[in-house]
């Protein structure tokens, strides 16, 4: 598997194909920061690119890509949870007044 193939695959699952359409330079096989302001799409392109190893098998490349996306999902979940906890705290304080 080539990096462009991996980006196309990831982008096919993303809103409006933005990863490939806005944040990937297929000619140079690297992220392109000239996109439309969707920093999550840019983040995905960068993460997949930075962990890609062209000498690995397609299976190993996919495993690495899944791992990096799962790690990002976990980190985003942690941030979301912290925000939810703060909101709950504020709602409890408001109810006590």
N, C-alpha and C. Protein backbone atom coordinates (compact mmCIF):
# COMPACT_ATOMS: atom_id res chain seq x y z
N UNK A 1 0.85 -1.17 0.00
CA UNK A 1 0.00 0.00 0.00
C UNK A 1 0.90 1.24 0.00
N UNK A 2 0.50 2.20 -0.74
CA UNK A 2 1.21 3.48 -0.81
C UNK A 2 0.48 4.49 0.09
N UNK A 3 1.20 5.52 0.51
CA UNK A 3 0.61 6.53 1.39
C UNK A 3 -0.60 7.20 0.73
N UNK A 4 -0.55 7.44 -0.56
CA UNK A 4 -1.70 8.04 -1.24
C UNK A 4 -2.93 7.15 -1.14
N UNK A 5 -2.73 5.84 -1.21
CA UNK A 5 -3.85 4.90 -1.07
C UNK A 5 -4.44 4.97 0.33
N UNK A 6 -3.58 5.04 1.33
CA UNK A 6 -4.05 5.13 2.72
C UNK A 6 -4.82 6.43 2.94
N UNK A 7 -4.32 7.51 2.39
CA UNK A 7 -5.02 8.80 2.52
C UNK A 7 -6.37 8.74 1.82
N UNK A 8 -6.42 8.17 0.63
CA UNK A 8 -7.71 8.04 -0.07
C UNK A 8 -8.71 7.23 0.76
N UNK A 9 -8.23 6.16 1.37
CA UNK A 9 -9.09 5.31 2.19
C UNK A 9 -9.63 6.09 3.39
N UNK A 10 -8.75 6.76 4.10
CA UNK A 10 -9.18 7.55 5.27
C UNK A 10 -10.12 8.67 4.83
N UNK A 11 -9.79 9.31 3.75
CA UNK A 11 -10.59 10.44 3.28
C UNK A 11 -11.98 10.00 2.82
N UNK A 12 -12.09 8.79 2.32
CA UNK A 12 -13.41 8.30 1.88
C UNK A 12 -14.40 8.19 3.04
N UNK A 13 -13.87 8.11 4.26
CA UNK A 13 -14.73 8.01 5.44
C UNK A 13 -14.94 9.36 6.12
N UNK A 14 -14.30 10.39 5.61
CA UNK A 14 -14.34 11.70 6.24
C UNK A 14 -15.30 12.62 5.49
N UNK A 15 -15.89 13.56 6.21
CA UNK A 15 -16.85 14.50 5.64
C UNK A 15 -16.31 15.16 4.38
N UNK A 16 -17.06 15.08 3.32
CA UNK A 16 -16.74 15.74 2.05
C UNK A 16 -15.36 15.38 1.50
N UNK A 17 -14.83 14.23 1.91
CA UNK A 17 -13.54 13.76 1.40
C UNK A 17 -12.44 14.80 1.64
N UNK A 18 -12.57 15.58 2.71
CA UNK A 18 -11.69 16.72 2.95
C UNK A 18 -10.22 16.37 3.13
N UNK A 19 -9.93 15.21 3.68
CA UNK A 19 -8.52 14.89 3.90
C UNK A 19 -7.78 14.92 2.57
N UNK A 20 -8.31 14.20 1.60
CA UNK A 20 -7.67 14.16 0.28
C UNK A 20 -7.93 15.44 -0.51
N UNK A 21 -9.13 15.95 -0.41
CA UNK A 21 -9.50 17.10 -1.24
C UNK A 21 -8.82 18.39 -0.81
N UNK A 22 -8.55 18.54 0.48
CA UNK A 22 -8.05 19.81 0.98
C UNK A 22 -6.64 19.75 1.58
N UNK A 23 -6.25 18.59 2.10
CA UNK A 23 -5.06 18.55 2.93
C UNK A 23 -4.01 17.53 2.50
N UNK A 24 -4.06 17.10 1.29
CA UNK A 24 -3.07 16.12 0.84
C UNK A 24 -2.51 16.50 -0.52
N UNK A 25 -1.21 16.45 -0.63
CA UNK A 25 -0.51 16.71 -1.89
C UNK A 25 -0.14 15.35 -2.49
N UNK A 26 -0.93 14.89 -3.44
CA UNK A 26 -0.72 13.56 -4.03
C UNK A 26 0.57 13.49 -4.84
N UNK A 27 0.97 14.60 -5.41
CA UNK A 27 2.20 14.61 -6.21
C UNK A 27 3.43 14.41 -5.33
N UNK A 28 3.46 15.09 -4.18
CA UNK A 28 4.62 15.02 -3.29
C UNK A 28 4.45 14.04 -2.13
N UNK A 29 3.28 13.41 -2.06
CA UNK A 29 3.00 12.37 -1.05
C UNK A 29 3.16 12.89 0.37
N UNK A 30 2.56 14.05 0.65
CA UNK A 30 2.70 14.64 1.98
C UNK A 30 1.51 15.55 2.28
N UNK A 31 1.34 15.89 3.55
CA UNK A 31 0.26 16.81 3.91
C UNK A 31 0.46 18.16 3.23
N UNK A 32 -0.67 18.81 2.98
CA UNK A 32 -0.68 20.13 2.36
C UNK A 32 -1.49 21.04 3.27
N UNK A 33 -0.86 22.03 3.87
CA UNK A 33 -1.50 22.89 4.86
C UNK A 33 -2.36 24.00 4.27
N UNK A 34 -2.62 23.95 2.98
CA UNK A 34 -3.34 25.05 2.33
C UNK A 34 -4.85 24.82 2.34
N UNK A 35 -5.36 23.96 3.18
CA UNK A 35 -6.77 23.60 3.17
C UNK A 35 -7.72 24.68 3.63
N UNK A 36 -8.93 24.27 3.89
CA UNK A 36 -10.07 25.16 4.12
C UNK A 36 -10.38 25.41 5.59
N UNK A 37 -9.47 25.15 6.51
CA UNK A 37 -9.72 25.42 7.91
C UNK A 37 -10.22 24.24 8.72
N UNK A 38 -10.29 23.06 8.13
CA UNK A 38 -10.71 21.87 8.86
C UNK A 38 -9.45 21.22 9.46
N UNK A 39 -9.09 21.67 10.64
CA UNK A 39 -7.83 21.22 11.24
C UNK A 39 -7.87 19.76 11.65
N UNK A 40 -9.04 19.19 11.85
CA UNK A 40 -9.11 17.76 12.15
C UNK A 40 -8.68 16.94 10.93
N UNK A 41 -9.12 17.35 9.75
CA UNK A 41 -8.71 16.66 8.53
C UNK A 41 -7.21 16.78 8.33
N UNK A 42 -6.67 17.96 8.59
CA UNK A 42 -5.23 18.16 8.48
C UNK A 42 -4.49 17.30 9.50
N UNK A 43 -5.00 17.24 10.72
CA UNK A 43 -4.42 16.41 11.77
C UNK A 43 -4.36 14.95 11.32
N UNK A 44 -5.44 14.44 10.77
CA UNK A 44 -5.49 13.05 10.31
C UNK A 44 -4.45 12.81 9.23
N UNK A 45 -4.38 13.72 8.27
CA UNK A 45 -3.38 13.58 7.20
C UNK A 45 -1.97 13.54 7.78
N UNK A 46 -1.70 14.45 8.70
CA UNK A 46 -0.36 14.50 9.29
C UNK A 46 -0.05 13.24 10.10
N UNK A 47 -1.00 12.78 10.89
CA UNK A 47 -0.77 11.59 11.71
C UNK A 47 -0.53 10.35 10.86
N UNK A 48 -1.34 10.17 9.84
CA UNK A 48 -1.15 9.01 8.97
C UNK A 48 0.19 9.08 8.25
N UNK A 49 0.54 10.25 7.79
CA UNK A 49 1.81 10.44 7.09
C UNK A 49 3.00 10.19 8.00
N UNK A 50 2.93 10.70 9.23
CA UNK A 50 4.07 10.60 10.14
C UNK A 50 4.31 9.19 10.64
N UNK A 51 3.30 8.35 10.59
CA UNK A 51 3.47 6.98 11.07
C UNK A 51 3.59 5.97 9.94
N UNK A 52 3.51 6.43 8.72
CA UNK A 52 3.54 5.54 7.55
C UNK A 52 4.97 5.06 7.29
N UNK A 53 5.10 3.77 7.04
CA UNK A 53 6.40 3.19 6.70
C UNK A 53 6.26 2.43 5.39
N UNK A 54 6.79 2.97 4.29
CA UNK A 54 6.59 2.36 2.97
C UNK A 54 7.14 0.94 2.86
N UNK A 55 8.08 0.58 3.71
CA UNK A 55 8.64 -0.78 3.63
C UNK A 55 7.77 -1.81 4.35
N UNK A 56 6.79 -1.36 5.13
CA UNK A 56 5.89 -2.28 5.83
C UNK A 56 4.87 -2.88 4.87
N UNK A 57 4.35 -4.02 5.25
CA UNK A 57 3.27 -4.63 4.47
C UNK A 57 2.01 -3.78 4.60
N UNK A 58 1.08 -3.98 3.70
CA UNK A 58 -0.19 -3.24 3.77
C UNK A 58 -0.88 -3.50 5.10
N UNK A 59 -0.83 -4.73 5.55
CA UNK A 59 -1.46 -5.08 6.83
C UNK A 59 -0.82 -4.30 7.97
N UNK A 60 0.51 -4.26 8.02
CA UNK A 60 1.20 -3.52 9.07
C UNK A 60 0.94 -2.02 8.99
N UNK A 61 0.83 -1.50 7.78
CA UNK A 61 0.52 -0.09 7.61
C UNK A 61 -0.87 0.23 8.15
N UNK A 62 -1.82 -0.66 7.86
CA UNK A 62 -3.18 -0.45 8.36
C UNK A 62 -3.23 -0.57 9.87
N UNK A 63 -2.51 -1.52 10.43
CA UNK A 63 -2.46 -1.66 11.89
C UNK A 63 -1.91 -0.39 12.52
N UNK A 64 -0.82 0.14 11.97
CA UNK A 64 -0.23 1.38 12.50
C UNK A 64 -1.21 2.55 12.37
N UNK A 65 -1.90 2.63 11.25
CA UNK A 65 -2.87 3.71 11.04
C UNK A 65 -4.03 3.60 12.04
N UNK A 66 -4.50 2.40 12.26
CA UNK A 66 -5.58 2.19 13.22
C UNK A 66 -5.12 2.57 14.62
N UNK A 67 -3.90 2.19 14.97
CA UNK A 67 -3.38 2.52 16.30
C UNK A 67 -3.30 4.02 16.51
N UNK A 68 -2.80 4.75 15.52
CA UNK A 68 -2.67 6.20 15.69
C UNK A 68 -4.05 6.87 15.73
N UNK A 69 -5.00 6.38 14.97
CA UNK A 69 -6.35 6.94 15.02
C UNK A 69 -7.04 6.59 16.33
N UNK A 70 -6.84 5.37 16.82
CA UNK A 70 -7.42 4.98 18.11
C UNK A 70 -6.83 5.82 19.25
N UNK A 71 -5.53 6.08 19.19
CA UNK A 71 -4.90 6.91 20.21
C UNK A 71 -5.48 8.33 20.17
N UNK A 72 -5.68 8.85 18.99
CA UNK A 72 -6.28 10.19 18.85
C UNK A 72 -7.72 10.19 19.37
N UNK A 73 -8.45 9.13 19.05
CA UNK A 73 -9.84 9.02 19.52
C UNK A 73 -9.89 8.99 21.05
N UNK A 74 -8.97 8.27 21.66
CA UNK A 74 -8.91 8.20 23.11
C UNK A 74 -8.59 9.57 23.71
N UNK A 75 -7.64 10.26 23.13
CA UNK A 75 -7.27 11.58 23.64
C UNK A 75 -8.41 12.58 23.48
N UNK A 76 -9.10 12.53 22.35
CA UNK A 76 -10.25 13.41 22.16
C UNK A 76 -11.36 13.07 23.15
N UNK A 77 -11.54 11.77 23.40
CA UNK A 77 -12.53 11.35 24.38
C UNK A 77 -12.21 11.86 25.78
N UNK A 78 -10.92 11.85 26.13
CA UNK A 78 -10.51 12.38 27.43
C UNK A 78 -10.81 13.86 27.56
N UNK A 79 -10.55 14.60 26.50
CA UNK A 79 -10.83 16.04 26.51
C UNK A 79 -12.34 16.28 26.62
N UNK A 80 -13.11 15.54 25.84
CA UNK A 80 -14.56 15.68 25.89
C UNK A 80 -15.10 15.36 27.28
N UNK A 81 -14.57 14.32 27.89
CA UNK A 81 -15.00 13.92 29.23
C UNK A 81 -14.70 15.03 30.25
N UNK A 82 -13.52 15.62 30.17
CA UNK A 82 -13.16 16.71 31.09
C UNK A 82 -14.11 17.90 30.92
N UNK A 83 -14.46 18.21 29.68
CA UNK A 83 -15.40 19.30 29.43
C UNK A 83 -16.78 18.98 29.98
N UNK A 84 -17.21 17.73 29.79
CA UNK A 84 -18.51 17.31 30.33
C UNK A 84 -18.53 17.38 31.85
N UNK A 85 -17.45 16.98 32.49
CA UNK A 85 -17.37 17.05 33.94
C UNK A 85 -17.51 18.49 34.42
N UNK A 86 -16.83 19.40 33.76
CA UNK A 86 -16.92 20.82 34.13
C UNK A 86 -18.33 21.34 33.94
N UNK A 87 -18.96 20.96 32.84
CA UNK A 87 -20.34 21.39 32.61
C UNK A 87 -21.26 20.84 33.70
N UNK A 88 -21.10 19.58 34.06
CA UNK A 88 -21.91 19.01 35.15
C UNK A 88 -21.69 19.76 36.45
N UNK A 89 -20.43 20.11 36.73
CA UNK A 89 -20.10 20.87 37.94
C UNK A 89 -20.81 22.21 37.94
N UNK A 90 -20.77 22.90 36.81
CA UNK A 90 -21.42 24.20 36.70
C UNK A 90 -22.93 24.07 36.83
N UNK A 91 -23.50 23.03 36.25
CA UNK A 91 -24.95 22.81 36.35
C UNK A 91 -25.35 22.51 37.80
N UNK A 92 -24.52 21.76 38.53
CA UNK A 92 -24.82 21.47 39.95
C UNK A 92 -24.76 22.76 40.78
N UNK A 93 -23.76 23.59 40.52
CA UNK A 93 -23.63 24.86 41.24
C UNK A 93 -24.81 25.76 40.95
N UNK A 94 -25.25 25.77 39.71
CA UNK A 94 -26.40 26.61 39.34
C UNK A 94 -27.65 26.14 40.05
N UNK A 95 -27.82 24.83 40.20
CA UNK A 95 -28.98 24.28 40.88
C UNK A 95 -29.00 24.57 42.36
N UNK A 96 -27.85 24.80 42.95
CA UNK A 96 -27.76 25.10 44.39
C UNK A 96 -28.07 26.55 44.71
N UNK A 97 -28.01 27.42 43.73
CA UNK A 97 -28.24 28.86 43.99
C UNK A 97 -29.68 29.18 44.12
